């Protein structure tokens, strides 16, 4: 990240509204690829662009380090973290366990409206998948809706936060290959089966389907990186 390449279009935060709002903005810039793994995040520049002081920016960067999106180098500068294959494999393995547990809990606790929202998400995903043109970003967004509904329906905020943290990785490392035309039907079928298991209150089945789905996603990512 350099002074010649601003991330944000204009100041959006007053100093007194800093904190987690700044972390949200920097997080979004990382996830959307406006900054790349290895880029330096300069406190002074971020503070100027966001219209705040350096202190809340520093606090936001600490929050992002705790999430694994940012790391501190020897010179104490914050850098967008890069992941190697072994680290990504660990992330997907952990995500599979956490989301399987969430699916099991949701099967026992989901309300009728939540089940309906899950089914609606599956239908939206299918409709988007059958559209012409580049719809990958829309598919990714709908996928996040589906998984977010399940995490929220557990009623366990800490579990929801843990799942969010393992799903939040920079754009370069996200599973876009899973939304290629050849894979979209698999994702849709997996989501449909998971939603049906939750609706049937079958926690074991929901957990097993979710774990298989997340591990399959990881396999697609790793296969793509070796082609």
Protein backbone atom coordinates (compact mmCIF):
# COMPACT_ATOMS: atom_id res chain seq x y z
CA UNK A 1 0.00 0.00 0.00
CA UNK A 2 1.53 3.35 -1.01
CA UNK A 3 0.62 6.99 -0.62
CA UNK A 4 -0.18 7.06 -4.36
CA UNK A 5 -2.83 4.37 -4.03
CA UNK A 6 -5.59 5.47 -1.65
CA UNK A 7 -7.93 2.77 -0.40
CA UNK A 8 -10.91 4.89 0.64
CA UNK A 9 -12.60 7.56 -1.44
CA UNK A 10 -13.29 10.04 1.34
CA UNK A 11 -13.31 10.40 5.13
CA UNK A 12 -16.29 8.58 6.55
CA UNK A 13 -15.66 8.46 10.28
CA UNK A 14 -15.33 11.05 12.98
CA UNK A 15 -12.71 10.34 15.63
CA UNK A 16 -15.32 9.75 18.31
CA UNK A 17 -16.98 7.05 16.17
CA UNK A 18 -13.81 5.07 15.55
CA UNK A 19 -13.15 1.65 17.10
CA UNK A 20 -14.81 -1.30 15.46
CA UNK A 21 -16.16 0.84 12.60
CA UNK A 22 -12.62 1.47 11.40
CA UNK A 23 -11.81 -2.23 11.71
CA UNK A 24 -14.89 -2.98 9.60
CA UNK A 25 -13.76 -0.63 6.84
CA UNK A 26 -10.20 -1.97 6.74
CA UNK A 27 -11.51 -5.55 6.87
CA UNK A 28 -13.77 -4.89 3.89
CA UNK A 29 -10.88 -3.37 1.91
CA UNK A 30 -8.81 -6.52 2.55
CA UNK A 31 -11.61 -8.94 1.68
CA UNK A 32 -12.50 -7.06 -1.51
CA UNK A 33 -8.91 -7.09 -2.69
CA UNK A 34 -8.28 -3.35 -2.54
CA UNK A 35 -5.18 -4.25 -0.56
CA UNK A 36 -3.25 -7.45 -1.22
CA UNK A 37 -1.43 -9.92 1.05
CA UNK A 38 1.93 -8.39 1.90
CA UNK A 39 0.77 -4.77 1.58
CA UNK A 40 1.72 -2.42 4.40
CA UNK A 41 -1.12 -0.64 6.23
CA UNK A 42 0.16 2.80 7.22
CA UNK A 43 -1.55 4.22 10.32
CA UNK A 44 -1.10 7.82 9.24
CA UNK A 45 -2.55 7.26 5.77
CA UNK A 46 -5.50 5.22 7.08
CA UNK A 47 -6.26 7.88 9.69
CA UNK A 48 -6.19 10.62 7.07
CA UNK A 49 -8.41 8.73 4.61
CA UNK A 50 -10.92 7.72 7.26
CA UNK A 51 -10.97 11.14 8.93
CA UNK A 52 -9.87 10.05 12.36
CA UNK A 53 -6.78 9.99 14.58
CA UNK A 54 -4.07 7.33 14.60
CA UNK A 55 -5.03 5.91 18.00
CA UNK A 56 -8.32 4.25 16.95
CA UNK A 57 -6.66 3.08 13.72
CA UNK A 58 -4.00 1.39 15.82
CA UNK A 59 -6.71 -0.25 17.91
CA UNK A 60 -8.47 -1.44 14.75
CA UNK A 61 -5.28 -2.98 13.43
CA UNK A 62 -4.84 -4.87 16.69
CA UNK A 63 -8.36 -6.27 16.26
CA UNK A 64 -7.52 -7.37 12.72
CA UNK A 65 -4.31 -9.01 13.94
CA UNK A 66 -6.36 -11.00 16.43
CA UNK A 67 -8.53 -12.18 13.51
CA UNK A 68 -5.51 -13.24 11.49
CA UNK A 69 -6.02 -10.76 8.67
CA UNK A 70 -3.08 -8.55 9.63
CA UNK A 71 0.33 -9.30 11.11
CA UNK A 72 3.02 -7.11 12.66
CA UNK A 73 6.49 -7.16 11.10
CA UNK A 74 9.78 -6.55 12.89
CA UNK A 75 9.56 -2.83 12.16
CA UNK A 76 6.13 -2.85 13.88
CA UNK A 77 4.31 -1.98 10.67
CA UNK A 78 1.02 -3.75 10.08
CA UNK A 79 0.97 -5.93 6.97
CA UNK A 80 -1.92 -7.77 5.32
CA UNK A 81 -1.26 -11.38 6.15
CA UNK A 82 -0.36 -13.96 3.49
CA UNK A 83 -1.30 -17.64 3.88
CA UNK A 84 0.53 -20.69 2.59
CA UNK A 85 -1.20 -23.95 1.70
CA UNK A 86 -0.63 -25.59 5.08
CA UNK A 87 -2.20 -22.64 6.88
CA UNK A 88 -5.19 -22.64 4.53
CA UNK A 89 -5.66 -26.36 5.11
CA UNK A 90 -5.71 -25.72 8.85
CA UNK A 91 -8.29 -22.96 8.36
CA UNK A 92 -10.62 -25.17 6.34
CA UNK A 93 -10.22 -28.08 8.77
CA UNK A 94 -11.12 -25.82 11.70
CA UNK A 95 -13.98 -24.27 9.77
CA UNK A 96 -15.35 -27.75 8.97
CA UNK A 97 -15.46 -28.66 12.65
CA UNK A 98 -16.97 -25.37 13.79
CA UNK A 99 -19.62 -25.25 11.07
CA UNK A 100 -20.55 -28.89 11.58
CA UNK A 101 -21.17 -28.12 15.26
CA UNK A 102 -23.21 -25.07 14.25
CA UNK A 103 -25.34 -27.15 11.88
CA UNK A 104 -26.00 -29.68 14.63
CA UNK A 105 -27.10 -26.96 17.05
CA UNK A 106 -29.22 -25.23 14.42
CA UNK A 107 -31.04 -28.47 13.65
CA UNK A 108 -32.19 -28.48 17.26
CA UNK A 109 -32.81 -24.76 17.69
CA UNK A 110 -33.82 -23.24 14.35
CA UNK A 111 -37.20 -21.55 14.21
CA UNK A 112 -39.61 -22.01 11.30
CA UNK A 113 -38.70 -18.56 9.90
CA UNK A 114 -35.00 -19.50 9.95
CA UNK A 115 -35.68 -22.70 8.04
CA UNK A 116 -37.66 -20.69 5.52
CA UNK A 117 -34.80 -18.22 5.16
CA UNK A 118 -32.37 -21.08 4.54
CA UNK A 119 -34.62 -22.54 1.85
CA UNK A 120 -35.00 -19.10 0.27
CA UNK A 121 -31.23 -18.69 0.23
CA UNK A 122 -30.85 -22.01 -1.58
CA UNK A 123 -33.38 -20.92 -4.20
CA UNK A 124 -31.66 -17.55 -4.67
CA UNK A 125 -28.31 -19.28 -5.10
CA UNK A 126 -29.78 -21.52 -7.79
CA UNK A 127 -31.35 -18.60 -9.62
CA UNK A 128 -28.09 -16.66 -9.58
CA UNK A 129 -26.10 -19.72 -10.70
CA UNK A 130 -28.25 -20.09 -13.79
CA UNK A 131 -27.84 -16.49 -14.89
CA UNK A 132 -25.53 -15.61 -17.75
CA UNK A 133 -22.40 -13.54 -17.28
CA UNK A 134 -20.04 -13.15 -14.35
CA UNK A 135 -22.08 -13.81 -11.21
CA UNK A 136 -19.31 -15.15 -8.96
CA UNK A 137 -19.46 -12.23 -6.51
CA UNK A 138 -23.23 -12.64 -6.18
CA UNK A 139 -22.81 -16.38 -5.54
CA UNK A 140 -20.16 -15.72 -2.91
CA UNK A 141 -22.44 -13.21 -1.18
CA UNK A 142 -25.38 -15.62 -1.15
CA UNK A 143 -23.15 -18.39 0.16
CA UNK A 144 -22.18 -16.14 3.06
CA UNK A 145 -25.87 -15.49 3.75
CA UNK A 146 -26.57 -19.22 3.97
CA UNK A 147 -23.68 -19.99 6.29
CA UNK A 148 -24.37 -16.87 8.34
CA UNK A 149 -27.98 -17.89 8.93
CA UNK A 150 -26.84 -21.21 10.36
CA UNK A 151 -24.19 -19.64 12.58
CA UNK A 152 -26.67 -17.09 13.92
CA UNK A 153 -29.40 -19.68 14.52
CA UNK A 154 -27.16 -21.55 16.97
CA UNK A 155 -27.87 -18.86 19.53
CA UNK A 156 -24.21 -19.00 20.60
CA UNK A 157 -22.59 -15.62 19.82
CA UNK A 158 -19.07 -16.86 20.56
CA UNK A 159 -19.45 -19.75 18.10
CA UNK A 160 -20.82 -17.33 15.50
CA UNK A 161 -17.81 -15.05 15.99
CA UNK A 162 -15.37 -17.95 15.72
CA UNK A 163 -16.94 -19.04 12.43
CA UNK A 164 -16.79 -15.49 11.11
CA UNK A 165 -13.10 -15.33 11.97
CA UNK A 166 -12.15 -18.51 10.10
CA UNK A 167 -14.24 -17.47 7.08
CA UNK A 168 -12.64 -14.02 6.91
CA UNK A 169 -9.59 -14.43 4.71
CA UNK A 170 -8.33 -12.15 1.93
CA UNK A 171 -9.97 -12.32 -1.49
CA UNK A 172 -6.92 -13.94 -3.07
CA UNK A 173 -7.36 -17.02 -0.87
CA UNK A 174 -11.14 -17.37 -0.93
CA UNK A 175 -12.86 -20.30 -2.60
CA UNK A 176 -13.87 -18.60 -5.83
CA UNK A 177 -13.05 -21.81 -7.71
CA UNK A 178 -16.01 -23.45 -5.95
CA UNK A 179 -18.34 -21.09 -7.81
CA UNK A 180 -17.06 -21.92 -11.29
CA UNK A 181 -19.86 -23.25 -13.53
CA UNK A 182 -18.73 -26.86 -13.05
CA UNK A 183 -19.10 -26.62 -9.26
CA UNK A 184 -22.19 -24.46 -8.76
CA UNK A 185 -24.63 -27.37 -8.85
CA UNK A 186 -22.63 -29.14 -6.13
CA UNK A 187 -22.79 -26.10 -3.86
CA UNK A 188 -26.52 -25.71 -4.47
CA UNK A 189 -27.20 -29.41 -3.83
CA UNK A 190 -25.11 -29.34 -0.63
CA UNK A 191 -26.94 -26.29 0.68
CA UNK A 192 -30.30 -27.84 -0.16
CA UNK A 193 -29.42 -31.07 1.66
CA UNK A 194 -28.14 -29.21 4.73
CA UNK A 195 -31.28 -27.08 4.89
CA UNK A 196 -33.45 -30.20 4.58
CA UNK A 197 -31.57 -31.94 7.40
CA UNK A 198 -32.01 -28.88 9.63
CA UNK A 199 -35.71 -28.74 8.78
CA UNK A 200 -36.01 -32.44 9.70
CA UNK A 201 -34.23 -31.75 13.02
CA UNK A 202 -31.60 -34.33 12.16
CA UNK A 203 -28.52 -32.90 13.85
CA UNK A 204 -26.17 -35.76 13.01
CA UNK A 205 -27.04 -35.59 9.33
CA UNK A 206 -26.82 -31.79 9.21
CA UNK A 207 -23.41 -31.87 10.89
CA UNK A 208 -22.07 -34.57 8.58
CA UNK A 209 -23.31 -32.82 5.46
CA UNK A 210 -21.85 -29.49 6.56
CA UNK A 211 -18.45 -30.95 7.40
CA UNK A 212 -18.31 -32.74 4.03
CA UNK A 213 -19.34 -29.54 2.24
CA UNK A 214 -16.68 -27.36 3.86
CA UNK A 215 -13.94 -29.96 3.32
CA UNK A 216 -14.97 -30.30 -0.33
CA UNK A 217 -14.70 -26.51 -0.69
CA UNK A 218 -11.18 -26.64 0.71
CA UNK A 219 -10.24 -29.46 -1.68
CA UNK A 220 -11.46 -27.35 -4.63
CA UNK A 221 -9.32 -24.42 -3.47
CA UNK A 222 -6.19 -26.53 -3.14
CA UNK A 223 -6.76 -28.27 -6.48
CA UNK A 224 -7.12 -24.89 -8.16
CA UNK A 225 -3.82 -23.69 -6.69
CA UNK A 226 -2.00 -26.68 -8.18
CA UNK A 227 -3.31 -26.29 -11.73
